């Protein structure tokens, strides 16, 4: 029982220390997805505007 509690304590400390880093990584990935979507929308909009000017 003592060994199991030690493992749980180590796991808890690890998660406590890793949580801010994991949250930051998730936040960065969300921002990257938003930037990629905005760039894709801008590229399709610019093509659309270019065709309107020609026509």
Protein backbone atom coordinates (compact mmCIF):
# COMPACT_ATOMS: atom_id res chain seq x y z
CA UNK A 1 0.00 0.00 0.00
CA UNK A 2 2.85 2.35 0.80
CA UNK A 3 4.41 1.78 -2.63
CA UNK A 4 1.13 2.57 -4.38
CA UNK A 5 0.80 5.81 -2.44
CA UNK A 6 4.37 6.74 -3.38
CA UNK A 7 3.63 6.16 -7.06
CA UNK A 8 0.48 8.24 -6.81
CA UNK A 9 2.36 11.03 -5.08
CA UNK A 10 5.02 11.07 -7.80
CA UNK A 11 2.34 11.04 -10.50
CA UNK A 12 0.50 13.90 -8.81
CA UNK A 13 3.66 16.02 -8.56
CA UNK A 14 4.51 15.27 -12.19
CA UNK A 15 1.04 16.31 -13.36
CA UNK A 16 1.17 19.39 -11.17
CA UNK A 17 4.45 20.45 -12.78
CA UNK A 18 3.49 19.46 -16.33
CA UNK A 19 0.00 21.00 -16.37
CA UNK A 20 1.02 24.61 -17.19
CA UNK A 21 3.24 23.43 -20.03
CA UNK A 22 0.53 21.20 -21.49
CA UNK A 23 -1.99 24.04 -21.22
CA UNK A 24 0.41 26.38 -23.02
CA UNK A 25 0.98 23.87 -25.80
CA UNK A 26 -2.77 23.49 -26.30
CA UNK A 27 -3.16 27.27 -26.38
CA UNK A 28 -0.40 27.61 -29.00
CA UNK A 29 -1.97 24.92 -31.17
CA UNK A 30 -5.33 26.70 -31.02
CA UNK A 31 -3.70 29.99 -32.09
CA UNK A 32 -1.87 28.20 -34.92
CA UNK A 33 -5.15 26.74 -36.19
CA UNK A 34 -6.78 30.17 -36.09
CA UNK A 35 -3.89 31.77 -37.98
CA UNK A 36 -3.92 29.00 -40.58
CA UNK A 37 -7.68 29.41 -41.07
CA UNK A 38 -7.33 33.19 -41.40
CA UNK A 39 -4.53 32.81 -43.95
CA UNK A 40 -6.59 30.33 -45.96
CA UNK A 41 -9.61 32.63 -45.89
CA UNK A 42 -7.46 35.57 -46.94
CA UNK A 43 -5.94 33.65 -49.85
CA UNK A 44 -9.35 32.56 -51.13
CA UNK A 45 -10.71 36.10 -50.70
CA UNK A 46 -7.79 37.61 -52.59
CA UNK A 47 -8.32 35.18 -55.49
CA UNK A 48 -12.00 36.03 -55.51
CA UNK A 49 -11.29 39.77 -55.60
CA UNK A 50 -8.73 39.29 -58.37
CA UNK A 51 -11.31 37.53 -60.55
CA UNK A 52 -13.86 40.27 -59.88
CA UNK A 53 -11.42 42.94 -61.07
CA UNK A 54 -10.71 41.05 -64.29
CA UNK A 55 -14.37 40.44 -65.10
